[in-house]
N, C-alpha and C. Protein backbone atom coordinates (compact mmCIF):
# COMPACT_ATOMS: atom_id res chain seq x y z
N MET A 1 38.75 -122.44 -7.85
CA MET A 1 37.72 -121.63 -7.74
C MET A 1 38.98 -119.97 -7.96
N PHE A 2 40.18 -120.52 -7.87
CA PHE A 2 41.13 -118.82 -7.93
C PHE A 2 41.23 -118.89 -9.33
N HIS A 3 41.20 -119.99 -10.28
CA HIS A 3 40.89 -119.73 -11.64
C HIS A 3 39.92 -119.28 -12.38
N LEU A 4 38.64 -119.28 -11.49
CA LEU A 4 37.52 -119.00 -12.24
C LEU A 4 37.92 -117.41 -11.79
N ALA A 5 38.20 -116.53 -10.61
CA ALA A 5 37.87 -115.66 -10.08
C ALA A 5 38.95 -114.61 -10.76
N ARG A 6 40.11 -115.43 -10.91
CA ARG A 6 41.10 -114.70 -12.13
C ARG A 6 40.56 -114.27 -13.44
N GLY A 7 39.62 -115.47 -14.47
CA GLY A 7 39.64 -115.25 -15.39
C GLY A 7 38.33 -113.98 -15.36
N LEU A 8 37.30 -114.06 -14.36
CA LEU A 8 36.32 -112.94 -14.35
C LEU A 8 37.01 -111.77 -14.01
N TYR A 9 38.29 -111.87 -13.07
CA TYR A 9 38.72 -110.44 -13.12
C TYR A 9 39.36 -110.03 -14.59
N ASN A 10 39.93 -110.78 -15.26
CA ASN A 10 40.93 -110.23 -16.65
C ASN A 10 39.78 -110.08 -17.34
N SER A 11 38.72 -110.62 -17.28
CA SER A 11 37.52 -110.18 -18.37
C SER A 11 36.88 -109.04 -18.04
N TRP A 12 36.72 -108.82 -16.74
CA TRP A 12 36.24 -107.63 -16.33
C TRP A 12 37.15 -106.31 -16.81
N ASN A 13 38.32 -106.46 -16.65
CA ASN A 13 39.60 -105.49 -16.82
C ASN A 13 39.78 -105.46 -18.32
N ARG A 14 39.61 -106.10 -18.95
CA ARG A 14 40.20 -106.30 -20.29
C ARG A 14 39.71 -104.71 -21.12
N LYS A 15 40.51 -104.67 -22.08
CA LYS A 15 40.18 -103.18 -22.81
C LYS A 15 40.13 -103.55 -23.96
N GLU A 16 39.51 -102.52 -24.97
CA GLU A 16 38.98 -102.47 -26.19
C GLU A 16 40.54 -102.07 -26.62
N GLN A 17 41.11 -102.58 -27.54
CA GLN A 17 41.96 -101.65 -28.66
C GLN A 17 41.87 -101.22 -30.27
N TYR A 18 42.24 -100.46 -30.31
CA TYR A 18 41.70 -99.95 -31.69
C TYR A 18 43.03 -99.74 -32.60
N SER A 19 43.20 -99.74 -33.53
CA SER A 19 44.53 -99.50 -34.09
C SER A 19 44.24 -98.57 -35.31
N ILE A 20 44.68 -97.53 -35.15
CA ILE A 20 44.50 -96.15 -35.99
C ILE A 20 45.81 -95.89 -36.98
N LEU A 21 45.58 -95.68 -38.18
CA LEU A 21 46.69 -95.33 -39.04
C LEU A 21 46.51 -93.86 -39.32
N ILE A 22 47.84 -93.37 -38.92
CA ILE A 22 48.10 -91.77 -39.23
C ILE A 22 48.71 -91.79 -40.88
N LEU A 23 47.84 -91.42 -41.98
CA LEU A 23 48.52 -90.92 -43.21
C LEU A 23 48.40 -89.86 -43.48
N GLY A 24 49.17 -89.67 -44.71
CA GLY A 24 49.36 -87.99 -45.25
C GLY A 24 50.51 -87.86 -45.85
N LEU A 25 50.65 -86.69 -46.55
CA LEU A 25 52.45 -86.60 -47.43
C LEU A 25 53.16 -86.32 -46.74
N ASP A 26 54.38 -86.59 -47.16
CA ASP A 26 55.37 -86.22 -46.21
C ASP A 26 55.52 -84.66 -45.85
N ASN A 27 55.89 -84.06 -44.40
CA ASN A 27 56.07 -82.91 -44.14
C ASN A 27 54.56 -82.44 -43.88
N ALA A 28 53.32 -83.23 -43.64
CA ALA A 28 51.76 -83.06 -43.48
C ALA A 28 51.93 -82.62 -41.92
N GLY A 29 52.69 -83.14 -41.02
CA GLY A 29 52.81 -83.23 -39.70
C GLY A 29 52.17 -84.05 -38.94
N LYS A 30 52.44 -85.23 -39.19
CA LYS A 30 51.81 -86.36 -38.71
C LYS A 30 52.58 -86.89 -37.32
N THR A 31 53.89 -86.59 -37.29
CA THR A 31 54.59 -87.30 -36.35
C THR A 31 54.31 -86.09 -35.14
N THR A 32 54.09 -84.70 -35.43
CA THR A 32 54.00 -83.66 -34.43
C THR A 32 52.44 -83.73 -33.95
N PHE A 33 51.77 -84.04 -34.69
CA PHE A 33 50.30 -84.33 -34.62
C PHE A 33 50.41 -85.98 -33.33
N LEU A 34 50.94 -86.67 -33.71
CA LEU A 34 51.04 -88.00 -32.67
C LEU A 34 51.67 -87.78 -31.27
N GLU A 35 52.82 -86.77 -31.37
CA GLU A 35 53.66 -86.29 -30.28
C GLU A 35 52.49 -85.33 -29.55
N THR A 36 52.10 -84.58 -30.04
CA THR A 36 50.81 -83.66 -29.26
C THR A 36 49.66 -84.26 -28.72
N LEU A 37 49.16 -85.34 -29.46
CA LEU A 37 47.94 -86.26 -28.79
C LEU A 37 48.68 -87.04 -27.64
N LYS A 38 50.06 -87.43 -27.65
CA LYS A 38 50.42 -88.13 -26.59
C LYS A 38 50.69 -86.97 -25.30
N GLN A 39 50.92 -85.89 -25.48
CA GLN A 39 50.95 -84.57 -24.67
C GLN A 39 49.62 -84.53 -23.81
N GLN A 40 48.67 -84.70 -24.76
CA GLN A 40 47.12 -84.43 -24.34
C GLN A 40 46.88 -85.35 -23.37
N TYR A 41 47.38 -86.58 -23.68
CA TYR A 41 47.01 -87.70 -22.67
C TYR A 41 48.08 -88.00 -21.73
N SER A 42 48.92 -87.01 -21.17
CA SER A 42 49.55 -87.05 -20.12
C SER A 42 50.68 -88.12 -20.77
N LEU A 43 51.45 -88.54 -21.62
CA LEU A 43 52.27 -89.37 -21.97
C LEU A 43 53.71 -88.86 -22.22
N HIS A 44 54.69 -89.55 -22.34
CA HIS A 44 56.02 -88.93 -22.50
C HIS A 44 56.06 -88.56 -23.78
N SER A 45 56.50 -87.43 -24.40
CA SER A 45 56.72 -87.32 -26.26
C SER A 45 57.87 -86.74 -26.18
N LYS A 46 58.05 -86.87 -27.51
CA LYS A 46 59.10 -86.06 -28.04
C LYS A 46 59.34 -84.53 -28.09
N ASP A 47 60.36 -84.01 -27.98
CA ASP A 47 60.18 -82.51 -28.25
C ASP A 47 59.99 -82.24 -29.49
N LEU A 48 58.96 -81.22 -29.43
CA LEU A 48 58.33 -81.15 -31.00
C LEU A 48 59.64 -80.40 -31.94
N ASP A 49 60.38 -79.70 -31.31
CA ASP A 49 61.54 -78.90 -32.21
C ASP A 49 62.55 -80.03 -32.85
N LYS A 50 62.50 -81.10 -32.03
CA LYS A 50 63.63 -82.22 -32.78
C LYS A 50 62.84 -83.15 -33.79
N ILE A 51 61.61 -82.92 -33.99
CA ILE A 51 61.36 -84.15 -34.98
C ILE A 51 61.79 -84.46 -36.23
N THR A 52 62.07 -85.37 -36.44
CA THR A 52 62.48 -85.49 -38.16
C THR A 52 61.63 -86.23 -38.79
N PRO A 53 61.78 -86.35 -40.20
CA PRO A 53 60.74 -87.15 -41.29
C PRO A 53 60.72 -88.65 -40.76
N THR A 54 59.56 -89.46 -40.67
CA THR A 54 59.46 -90.46 -40.23
C THR A 54 59.81 -91.36 -41.60
N VAL A 55 60.93 -92.06 -41.55
CA VAL A 55 61.56 -93.36 -42.46
C VAL A 55 60.96 -94.66 -41.49
N GLY A 56 59.89 -95.51 -42.25
CA GLY A 56 59.33 -96.31 -41.63
C GLY A 56 58.01 -95.99 -40.86
N GLN A 57 57.97 -96.04 -39.14
CA GLN A 57 56.93 -95.95 -38.88
C GLN A 57 57.24 -95.28 -37.25
N ASN A 58 56.33 -94.91 -36.79
CA ASN A 58 56.23 -94.57 -35.30
C ASN A 58 54.98 -95.20 -34.65
N MET A 59 54.86 -95.43 -33.38
CA MET A 59 53.74 -96.12 -32.91
C MET A 59 53.43 -95.85 -31.15
N ALA A 60 52.34 -95.51 -30.98
CA ALA A 60 51.93 -95.19 -29.51
C ALA A 60 50.80 -95.47 -29.22
N GLN A 61 50.64 -96.09 -28.04
CA GLN A 61 49.37 -96.47 -27.54
C GLN A 61 48.85 -95.61 -26.50
N ILE A 62 47.67 -94.98 -26.62
CA ILE A 62 46.95 -94.09 -25.72
C ILE A 62 45.89 -94.72 -25.28
N ASN A 63 45.59 -94.39 -24.01
CA ASN A 63 44.27 -94.99 -23.15
C ASN A 63 43.15 -93.74 -23.08
N VAL A 64 42.37 -93.79 -23.99
CA VAL A 64 41.49 -92.66 -24.38
C VAL A 64 40.18 -92.50 -23.02
N SER A 65 39.97 -94.01 -22.57
CA SER A 65 39.22 -93.99 -21.58
C SER A 65 39.57 -95.48 -20.50
N LYS A 66 38.79 -95.66 -19.93
CA LYS A 66 39.09 -96.72 -18.86
C LYS A 66 38.83 -97.94 -19.75
N THR A 67 38.18 -97.78 -20.42
CA THR A 67 37.88 -99.46 -21.29
C THR A 67 38.72 -99.29 -22.85
N CYS A 68 38.98 -98.29 -23.19
CA CYS A 68 39.74 -98.23 -24.48
C CYS A 68 40.89 -97.80 -24.79
N THR A 69 41.64 -98.40 -25.64
CA THR A 69 43.16 -97.76 -25.95
C THR A 69 43.54 -97.56 -27.32
N LEU A 70 43.35 -96.73 -27.86
CA LEU A 70 44.25 -96.37 -29.13
C LEU A 70 45.51 -96.70 -29.67
N LYS A 71 45.71 -97.92 -30.29
CA LYS A 71 47.16 -98.20 -31.11
C LYS A 71 47.42 -97.30 -32.46
N LEU A 72 48.27 -96.05 -32.53
CA LEU A 72 48.38 -95.37 -33.66
C LEU A 72 49.65 -95.51 -34.02
N TRP A 73 49.64 -95.71 -35.41
CA TRP A 73 50.47 -96.22 -36.17
C TRP A 73 50.76 -94.91 -37.08
N ASP A 74 52.07 -94.33 -36.78
CA ASP A 74 52.24 -93.09 -37.98
C ASP A 74 53.31 -93.58 -38.85
N VAL A 75 52.86 -93.29 -40.17
CA VAL A 75 53.56 -94.23 -40.92
C VAL A 75 54.24 -93.13 -41.93
N GLY A 76 55.43 -93.29 -42.35
CA GLY A 76 55.97 -92.43 -43.35
C GLY A 76 55.26 -92.12 -44.55
N GLY A 77 55.40 -90.75 -44.73
CA GLY A 77 54.50 -90.25 -46.08
C GLY A 77 55.16 -89.68 -47.39
N GLN A 78 56.44 -90.05 -47.35
CA GLN A 78 57.63 -90.09 -48.80
C GLN A 78 56.57 -91.05 -49.74
N GLU A 79 56.88 -90.34 -50.93
CA GLU A 79 56.46 -91.49 -52.15
C GLU A 79 56.51 -92.42 -52.47
N THR A 80 57.94 -92.72 -52.03
CA THR A 80 58.40 -94.38 -52.00
C THR A 80 58.08 -95.29 -50.87
N LEU A 81 57.60 -94.74 -49.55
CA LEU A 81 57.33 -95.22 -48.47
C LEU A 81 55.66 -95.53 -48.58
N ARG A 82 54.96 -95.04 -49.67
CA ARG A 82 53.25 -95.10 -49.28
C ARG A 82 52.86 -96.46 -49.88
N SER A 83 53.64 -97.49 -50.33
CA SER A 83 53.29 -98.70 -51.08
C SER A 83 53.28 -99.39 -49.91
N MET A 84 54.05 -99.30 -48.51
CA MET A 84 53.65 -100.06 -47.04
C MET A 84 52.42 -99.77 -46.81
N TRP A 85 51.86 -98.49 -46.84
CA TRP A 85 50.76 -98.45 -46.28
C TRP A 85 49.62 -99.81 -46.17
N SER A 86 49.49 -100.21 -47.40
CA SER A 86 48.33 -101.45 -47.31
C SER A 86 48.77 -102.65 -46.28
N GLU A 87 49.81 -102.41 -45.97
CA GLU A 87 50.44 -103.82 -45.29
C GLU A 87 49.58 -103.56 -43.86
N TYR A 88 49.25 -102.65 -43.48
CA TYR A 88 48.64 -101.74 -42.32
C TYR A 88 46.67 -101.87 -42.26
N TYR A 89 46.34 -102.17 -43.76
CA TYR A 89 45.13 -102.10 -43.74
C TYR A 89 43.94 -102.92 -43.02
N PRO A 90 44.69 -104.36 -43.16
CA PRO A 90 43.85 -105.01 -42.87
C PRO A 90 43.56 -105.04 -41.07
N GLN A 91 44.48 -104.57 -40.60
CA GLN A 91 44.42 -104.68 -38.93
C GLN A 91 43.97 -102.89 -38.67
N CYS A 92 43.53 -102.32 -39.40
CA CYS A 92 43.27 -100.88 -38.83
C CYS A 92 41.87 -100.74 -38.57
N HIS A 93 41.49 -100.05 -37.78
CA HIS A 93 39.79 -99.82 -37.10
C HIS A 93 39.71 -98.33 -37.72
N GLY A 94 40.72 -97.69 -37.98
CA GLY A 94 40.35 -95.94 -38.29
C GLY A 94 41.47 -95.68 -38.99
N ILE A 95 41.29 -94.33 -39.93
CA ILE A 95 42.52 -93.62 -40.80
C ILE A 95 42.45 -92.18 -40.31
N ILE A 96 43.27 -91.81 -39.86
CA ILE A 96 43.61 -90.08 -39.91
C ILE A 96 44.60 -89.92 -41.10
N PHE A 97 43.92 -89.14 -41.58
CA PHE A 97 44.88 -88.44 -42.97
C PHE A 97 45.02 -86.99 -42.68
N VAL A 98 46.34 -86.58 -42.51
CA VAL A 98 46.76 -85.19 -42.42
C VAL A 98 47.23 -84.53 -43.74
N VAL A 99 46.83 -83.61 -43.86
CA VAL A 99 46.95 -82.57 -44.50
C VAL A 99 47.55 -81.56 -44.34
N ASP A 100 48.59 -80.85 -44.78
CA ASP A 100 49.39 -79.85 -44.78
C ASP A 100 48.43 -78.33 -45.20
N SER A 101 48.02 -77.56 -44.48
CA SER A 101 47.30 -76.99 -45.09
C SER A 101 47.84 -75.56 -45.94
N THR A 102 49.08 -75.48 -45.62
CA THR A 102 49.98 -74.33 -46.16
C THR A 102 50.40 -74.76 -47.45
N ASP A 103 50.52 -75.83 -47.82
CA ASP A 103 51.01 -76.44 -49.18
C ASP A 103 50.02 -76.81 -50.28
N ARG A 104 49.99 -75.60 -50.75
CA ARG A 104 48.79 -75.58 -51.75
C ARG A 104 49.24 -76.15 -53.11
N SER A 105 50.64 -76.30 -53.54
CA SER A 105 51.09 -77.05 -54.64
C SER A 105 51.08 -78.41 -54.50
N ARG A 106 50.74 -78.93 -53.46
CA ARG A 106 50.57 -80.27 -53.56
C ARG A 106 49.33 -80.94 -53.00
N ILE A 107 48.14 -79.94 -52.96
CA ILE A 107 46.73 -80.27 -52.62
C ILE A 107 46.15 -81.34 -53.42
N ASP A 108 46.60 -81.35 -54.66
CA ASP A 108 45.98 -82.24 -55.71
C ASP A 108 46.61 -83.62 -55.62
N GLU A 109 47.74 -83.53 -55.14
CA GLU A 109 48.45 -85.04 -54.62
C GLU A 109 47.95 -85.39 -53.87
N CYS A 110 47.63 -84.61 -52.41
CA CYS A 110 47.21 -85.22 -51.40
C CYS A 110 45.64 -85.59 -51.68
N SER A 111 44.83 -84.99 -52.52
CA SER A 111 43.52 -85.63 -53.07
C SER A 111 43.64 -86.82 -53.57
N ASP A 112 44.88 -87.16 -53.99
CA ASP A 112 44.61 -88.41 -55.20
C ASP A 112 45.34 -89.39 -54.01
N THR A 113 46.22 -89.05 -53.53
CA THR A 113 46.60 -89.95 -52.43
C THR A 113 45.49 -90.43 -51.45
N LEU A 114 44.60 -89.72 -51.07
CA LEU A 114 43.62 -90.36 -50.39
C LEU A 114 42.57 -90.88 -51.05
N ARG A 115 42.30 -90.55 -52.19
CA ARG A 115 41.68 -91.38 -53.07
C ARG A 115 42.15 -92.84 -53.26
N SER A 116 43.48 -92.81 -53.46
CA SER A 116 43.87 -94.09 -53.26
C SER A 116 43.73 -95.10 -52.35
N VAL A 117 43.39 -94.34 -50.94
CA VAL A 117 43.81 -94.83 -49.94
C VAL A 117 42.13 -95.64 -49.33
N VAL A 118 41.42 -94.59 -49.80
CA VAL A 118 39.83 -95.10 -49.82
C VAL A 118 39.49 -95.77 -50.43
N MET A 119 39.54 -96.14 -51.62
CA MET A 119 39.51 -96.94 -52.68
C MET A 119 39.80 -98.58 -52.28
N GLU A 120 40.81 -98.58 -51.45
CA GLU A 120 41.33 -99.69 -51.09
C GLU A 120 39.92 -101.05 -50.46
N GLU A 121 40.04 -102.01 -50.82
CA GLU A 121 38.84 -102.81 -50.48
C GLU A 121 39.17 -103.19 -48.69
N GLU A 122 40.29 -103.16 -48.55
CA GLU A 122 40.30 -103.46 -47.12
C GLU A 122 40.15 -102.56 -46.16
N VAL A 123 39.84 -101.28 -46.52
CA VAL A 123 39.71 -100.29 -45.69
C VAL A 123 37.79 -99.87 -45.98
N GLU A 124 37.51 -100.76 -46.70
CA GLU A 124 36.08 -100.63 -46.43
C GLU A 124 34.87 -100.63 -45.60
N GLY A 125 34.41 -99.21 -45.02
CA GLY A 125 33.58 -99.29 -43.81
C GLY A 125 34.55 -98.52 -42.91
N VAL A 126 35.83 -98.53 -42.81
CA VAL A 126 36.59 -97.71 -41.65
C VAL A 126 36.42 -96.23 -41.86
N PRO A 127 36.03 -95.62 -40.51
CA PRO A 127 35.89 -94.18 -40.15
C PRO A 127 37.26 -93.47 -40.79
N VAL A 128 37.14 -92.43 -41.55
CA VAL A 128 38.30 -91.87 -42.12
C VAL A 128 38.10 -90.47 -41.58
N LEU A 129 39.28 -89.76 -40.75
CA LEU A 129 39.36 -88.58 -40.31
C LEU A 129 40.18 -87.61 -41.24
N MET A 130 39.79 -86.63 -41.82
CA MET A 130 40.87 -85.94 -42.50
C MET A 130 40.97 -84.41 -41.62
N LEU A 131 42.34 -84.32 -41.29
CA LEU A 131 43.01 -83.13 -40.46
C LEU A 131 43.56 -82.17 -41.31
N ALA A 132 42.95 -80.97 -41.36
CA ALA A 132 43.42 -79.68 -41.61
C ALA A 132 44.27 -79.15 -40.81
N ASN A 133 45.72 -79.79 -41.00
CA ASN A 133 46.74 -79.32 -40.23
C ASN A 133 47.66 -77.82 -40.63
N LYS A 134 48.01 -77.37 -39.66
CA LYS A 134 48.60 -76.28 -39.60
C LYS A 134 47.96 -74.82 -39.93
N GLN A 135 46.52 -74.88 -39.04
CA GLN A 135 45.69 -73.76 -39.12
C GLN A 135 46.17 -72.51 -38.20
N ASP A 136 47.01 -72.75 -37.37
CA ASP A 136 47.96 -71.70 -36.64
C ASP A 136 48.60 -70.68 -37.84
N ARG A 137 48.91 -71.15 -39.10
CA ARG A 137 49.74 -70.14 -39.93
C ARG A 137 48.84 -69.21 -40.68
N PRO A 138 49.11 -68.33 -41.15
CA PRO A 138 48.30 -67.39 -41.59
C PRO A 138 48.12 -67.56 -43.20
N ASP A 139 49.27 -68.39 -43.42
CA ASP A 139 49.13 -68.74 -45.28
C ASP A 139 48.41 -70.00 -45.21
N SER A 140 47.79 -70.62 -44.53
CA SER A 140 46.83 -71.95 -44.30
C SER A 140 45.74 -71.92 -45.62
N LEU A 141 45.32 -72.60 -45.97
CA LEU A 141 44.08 -72.79 -46.65
C LEU A 141 42.79 -72.82 -45.70
N GLU A 142 41.76 -72.17 -46.14
CA GLU A 142 40.54 -72.44 -45.18
C GLU A 142 40.03 -73.44 -45.08
N VAL A 143 39.40 -74.13 -43.88
CA VAL A 143 38.96 -75.36 -43.64
C VAL A 143 38.05 -75.76 -44.87
N GLN A 144 37.10 -74.89 -45.12
CA GLN A 144 36.11 -74.70 -46.24
C GLN A 144 36.52 -75.38 -47.74
N ASP A 145 37.91 -74.91 -47.74
CA ASP A 145 38.88 -75.16 -49.11
C ASP A 145 39.10 -76.69 -49.20
N ILE A 146 39.57 -76.96 -47.88
CA ILE A 146 39.76 -78.64 -47.80
C ILE A 146 38.72 -79.66 -47.69
N LYS A 147 37.95 -79.14 -47.38
CA LYS A 147 36.72 -79.65 -47.22
C LYS A 147 35.76 -80.21 -48.71
N GLN A 148 36.26 -79.13 -49.65
CA GLN A 148 35.68 -79.31 -50.74
C GLN A 148 36.98 -80.49 -51.58
N ILE A 149 37.66 -80.70 -51.42
CA ILE A 149 38.74 -81.64 -51.35
C ILE A 149 38.18 -83.26 -50.95
N PHE A 150 37.81 -83.18 -49.64
CA PHE A 150 37.05 -84.17 -49.25
C PHE A 150 35.41 -84.45 -49.67
N ASN A 151 34.70 -83.44 -50.21
CA ASN A 151 33.39 -83.49 -50.78
C ASN A 151 33.88 -84.30 -52.38
N ARG A 152 34.76 -84.29 -53.01
CA ARG A 152 35.03 -84.78 -54.28
C ARG A 152 35.16 -86.15 -54.07
N LEU A 153 35.93 -86.60 -52.71
CA LEU A 153 36.03 -88.18 -52.32
C LEU A 153 34.70 -88.73 -51.77
N ALA A 154 33.78 -88.15 -51.20
CA ALA A 154 32.60 -88.53 -50.73
C ALA A 154 31.87 -89.76 -51.48
N GLU A 155 31.56 -89.69 -52.64
CA GLU A 155 31.35 -91.09 -53.34
C GLU A 155 32.21 -92.42 -53.15
N HIS A 156 33.21 -92.11 -52.67
CA HIS A 156 34.32 -93.37 -52.45
C HIS A 156 33.91 -93.89 -51.26
N LEU A 157 33.49 -92.72 -50.47
CA LEU A 157 33.39 -93.07 -48.92
C LEU A 157 32.09 -93.82 -48.57
N GLY A 158 31.35 -93.68 -49.39
CA GLY A 158 29.80 -94.56 -49.21
C GLY A 158 29.19 -93.83 -47.94
N ALA A 159 28.89 -94.94 -46.76
CA ALA A 159 28.19 -94.30 -45.58
C ALA A 159 28.84 -94.46 -44.55
N ARG A 160 30.30 -94.64 -44.93
CA ARG A 160 31.48 -94.71 -43.56
C ARG A 160 31.57 -93.22 -43.08
N ASP A 161 31.82 -93.27 -41.79
CA ASP A 161 31.66 -91.97 -40.97
C ASP A 161 33.23 -91.49 -41.60
N SER A 162 32.99 -89.98 -41.93
CA SER A 162 34.04 -89.41 -42.33
C SER A 162 33.74 -87.70 -41.78
N ARG A 163 34.97 -86.65 -41.73
CA ARG A 163 34.98 -85.76 -41.34
C ARG A 163 36.20 -85.09 -41.47
N VAL A 164 36.16 -83.72 -41.55
CA VAL A 164 37.20 -82.89 -41.77
C VAL A 164 37.31 -82.18 -40.52
N LEU A 165 38.26 -81.89 -39.81
CA LEU A 165 38.48 -81.06 -38.68
C LEU A 165 39.85 -79.95 -38.74
N PRO A 166 39.82 -78.99 -38.56
CA PRO A 166 40.90 -77.91 -38.26
C PRO A 166 41.87 -78.61 -37.07
N ILE A 167 42.75 -78.55 -37.40
CA ILE A 167 43.91 -78.41 -36.05
C ILE A 167 45.35 -77.64 -36.11
N SER A 168 45.92 -77.58 -35.21
CA SER A 168 47.45 -77.12 -35.15
C SER A 168 48.32 -78.08 -34.27
N ALA A 169 48.65 -78.91 -35.24
CA ALA A 169 49.85 -80.13 -34.49
C ALA A 169 50.48 -79.38 -33.62
N LEU A 170 50.98 -78.39 -34.18
CA LEU A 170 51.91 -77.64 -33.11
C LEU A 170 51.70 -77.12 -31.86
N THR A 171 50.32 -76.07 -31.79
CA THR A 171 49.47 -75.84 -30.95
C THR A 171 49.00 -76.83 -29.87
N GLY A 172 48.54 -77.87 -30.56
CA GLY A 172 47.84 -78.71 -29.76
C GLY A 172 46.08 -78.07 -30.26
N GLU A 173 45.96 -77.15 -30.73
CA GLU A 173 44.44 -76.85 -30.68
C GLU A 173 43.77 -78.06 -31.54
N GLY A 174 42.72 -78.21 -31.26
CA GLY A 174 41.87 -79.53 -31.79
C GLY A 174 42.29 -80.81 -31.77
N VAL A 175 43.53 -80.83 -31.16
CA VAL A 175 44.11 -82.24 -31.46
C VAL A 175 43.46 -83.15 -30.27
N ARG A 176 43.15 -82.82 -29.58
CA ARG A 176 42.15 -83.93 -28.51
C ARG A 176 40.86 -84.30 -28.98
N ASP A 177 40.43 -83.29 -29.73
CA ASP A 177 38.90 -83.24 -30.28
C ASP A 177 39.27 -84.90 -31.38
N THR A 178 40.28 -84.99 -31.96
CA THR A 178 40.07 -86.07 -32.67
C THR A 178 40.10 -87.39 -32.42
N ALA A 179 40.80 -87.57 -31.35
CA ALA A 179 40.71 -88.57 -30.42
C ALA A 179 39.06 -88.79 -29.78
N GLU A 180 38.85 -87.80 -29.57
CA GLU A 180 37.03 -88.26 -28.86
C GLU A 180 36.05 -88.44 -30.17
N TRP A 181 36.24 -87.89 -31.17
CA TRP A 181 35.67 -87.89 -32.41
C TRP A 181 35.84 -89.61 -32.85
N LEU A 182 37.26 -89.79 -33.01
CA LEU A 182 37.15 -91.41 -33.30
C LEU A 182 36.74 -92.30 -32.53
N LEU A 183 37.08 -92.22 -31.18
CA LEU A 183 36.38 -93.22 -30.19
C LEU A 183 35.13 -93.38 -30.55
N VAL A 184 34.22 -92.46 -30.78
CA VAL A 184 32.48 -92.37 -31.07
C VAL A 184 32.52 -93.30 -32.06
N ARG A 185 33.00 -92.92 -33.39
CA ARG A 185 33.07 -93.96 -34.70
C ARG A 185 33.46 -95.35 -34.41
N LEU A 186 34.50 -95.60 -33.83
CA LEU A 186 35.11 -96.60 -33.82
C LEU A 186 34.18 -97.58 -33.19
N GLN A 187 33.39 -97.16 -31.97
CA GLN A 187 32.58 -98.08 -31.02
C GLN A 187 31.57 -98.35 -32.03
N ARG A 188 31.04 -97.32 -32.74
CA ARG A 188 29.88 -97.45 -33.40
C ARG A 188 29.92 -98.80 -34.55
N ASN A 189 31.32 -98.72 -34.88
CA ASN A 189 31.75 -99.39 -36.19
C ASN A 189 32.02 -100.62 -35.72
N LYS A 190 31.87 -101.08 -34.37
CA LYS A 190 32.39 -102.66 -33.47
C LYS A 190 31.81 -103.93 -34.54
N THR A 191 30.85 -103.68 -34.99
CA THR A 191 30.52 -104.87 -35.70
C THR A 191 31.08 -105.06 -36.95
N ASN A 192 31.21 -104.12 -37.73
CA ASN A 192 31.85 -104.11 -39.07
C ASN A 192 33.76 -104.42 -38.81
N ARG A 193 33.93 -103.86 -37.55
CA ARG A 193 35.85 -103.96 -37.29
C ARG A 193 35.68 -104.27 -35.83
N PRO A 194 35.58 -105.40 -35.26
CA PRO A 194 35.87 -105.66 -33.82
C PRO A 194 37.19 -105.12 -33.41
N PRO A 195 37.10 -104.59 -32.10
CA PRO A 195 38.60 -104.30 -31.43
C PRO A 195 39.02 -105.56 -30.96
N VAL A 196 40.21 -105.52 -30.82
CA VAL A 196 40.94 -106.33 -30.05
C VAL A 196 40.73 -106.22 -28.59
N TYR A 197 40.77 -107.19 -27.90
CA TYR A 197 40.74 -107.19 -26.51
C TYR A 197 42.07 -107.52 -25.83
N ARG A 198 42.63 -106.52 -24.56
CA ARG A 198 43.71 -106.81 -24.12
C ARG A 198 43.40 -106.61 -22.53
C-alpha cells in the first residue's frame, strides 16, 4: 500500500520540464538576460556588472509555475562556438534568440545566424522568440526594424510560434514577459515536443 501511495504522490507532484536554448551573437546580452530572468523569479544571480563572455555554457532552472520548470541553456555566441549549438537542438523545446539592437554593423550576421538555426531539421516546429535587447539605449534600432529581419525568416519558420519582443536585459524591462510567452507556446506544442517529467 505504501508503494502505491508513494507512486501516486510522485505522479501528482511531478513537474513538466522544458529545455530552452538562449542563442545569439557574442555580446548580445544572453547571460545578462539569463541572470535578470533568474532575479525576476527570486533566484540567486550574478552581479550584472561582473558578467564576462560565456565560453561554453551557463545553465539555470527556473520554476515558472507550480507544475512547470524551464531549464535554460545560455550557449556562447562567439563564431568559433556556434558549431556547438546543434548539440543542443534534439533536446530543446524552445529557442530564445537575443539580438543586440545597438550593433547595426552585425545585424546581417545576426539574421544569417538565426536563419541557419531555424533551418536545422532538429528544431522543426520549436517556438522561436527573438529578443530585441538593449532597448534602454538611445542608439538602439527600433523594434519594427528588428521585426523586418524576423519577417524575412518567416518562410523558414512555417507554422511554428514565433515573435519579436523588446527587452532590456540590464533594466529587466520585458524580461519576465519572455518566460510567460514561452510557457504558453511550450504547452501548446506538447504533442510535437513532449516535456520531460521530473
